[in-house]
Amino acid sequence: MIEFQGKSFLIADPIHGGDILSRHLDSIDVPNETYNPYNCEELDLKGFDYLAAPVHLSPDFPVIKESKKSSRIEIVNHHDLTRAIALKKGYTEGIKVIEITGTYGKTTTSFLLKETLDKEKKDTLINNSLGIFYNGESLRKNSSITPAFILEVFDGFITNEIDVDYFISEVSLGVTGIGDPLVLTSTDNDYEIAGDNKKASDVKIRSFKRFNEKLKIILDQSTKIGSMGLSNFDVNSKGNNLIEVGYELNKFGLKRKGRISFRNRFFSLFRESILSFILVALSLGIKEETILEVIENFNGFKGRFNRKKLNGRQYLDNSSSGIEIEDLRRIIDFEFEGTELENTVLVIGENDRNICEDLDYGKTNRILKEYSFKDIVTVGNRFKDLSRHNVKDLSEGLNVAQELAEPQEKIIGFVKCRR
């Protein structure tokens, strides 16, 4: 447990939330300094009781190595310090917080929950990778999902005297533990962090293990985190887009078990998000008829898989900061039959700035060789050797794609970018 009284903090990495943590420690009169490990600043650990470092920071950085040698300094991560500050300042009192992490499916899950809570007439605040939203209104675009930014969101609605019943927080690389339930939508498409010393999935899973008293919704049922507070479910496809989900929710003070059936033709594309949403909504006591209404009317959100018209072309828009290359295969398997790809132009790649995780080059190269598109437009310098047409961003890519695709043909937008 992190203590504040009489303690001093060194906070590593002001770029990824350390500056926020420092300001909030200042506000409760806790001595602290920030340290940028990437600039090789001179390091002096004297007088510090804690080092707060982000989970993605490599253990090879001197600040980590030297702190481990010290018998005085305790190393904590940004997630833990965020929770401690939030509890110290009473931010979560009277508010139901839901935390969502995972490789993909986080943002869509949060929007599905928002749709449901709107129908329940609840004041709902969301912070996800697309922005900050309050009761359906966009307050800010392209928000941060670093754990520390949660504190900024709390400060914002308290300062502006906004009433909040539910706060849905998308968090990168694990949960802070201020939420209940805690949701892990996916561990697929894993990647290395901390200088290739840790798997991102391991870090996310580890963040769940400390909170036995909370409801934990883990979509990958092979994940081992113990049984305390863990939800269970099974899924059966009945044909004709009919899906049946059996569920069992167990934690201290909550036991709920049953089955729910619904129709949604997009289930294979949004499986993780839809299942996460169902289990969270049920745990909140939302009526089944409200849950079913939201699912059966769901066909994607702006910034996630959408069908549009683009000057007579059919445009399948799946560009966002959260895409993984395997999502493209799911779209192709869901949407196309036979030789349809021969009449389809693909726009793929990444904006070079403002994304946290790159699109995997090797997997992208392999998947492009598997399918025969009419043409391919790549976005970003890393992908310029994978097609004849390379551009700097999604907008330019769509302009080129419209020249390559005839009216009534299809364009797929699959670019990792903030929108």
Foldseek 3Di string as FASTA:
>chain_A
DDDQVPAEEEEEDVPQQSVLLVVLNVVVPGHYYYDYLVVVDDDDPPRHQEYEAAPQAACPRPVNVVQVVDPRYDYHYPLQSLVVSCVVVVLCPQAAEEEEEELDLQVLLVVLLLLLVLVVVFFEWEQDQQAIDTSRHGPGGRGDQANSCVVVVSVVCVVVVPDHHYYYGYHYLAHSPSHAPYEYLYCPPWDAGNVNPDISSVSHLVNPLVCLQGAYEYPPVVDDRDDRNYKDKDWDDPDPQKIKMWIFTDHVPDTDTDMAIAGDLCCLLNVSSLVRNVVVCVRVVRDNVSSRVSRRPDDDDVQAFDWDADPQATETEHEEQSDEPVSVVSCCVSPDDDQLQLQEEEEEAEAPDDHDDGHDPVVNLVVVVVDDHVAYEYEDPVCPVSHPHYYHDQVVSVVVRPVSHDRHGYYYYYYNYGD
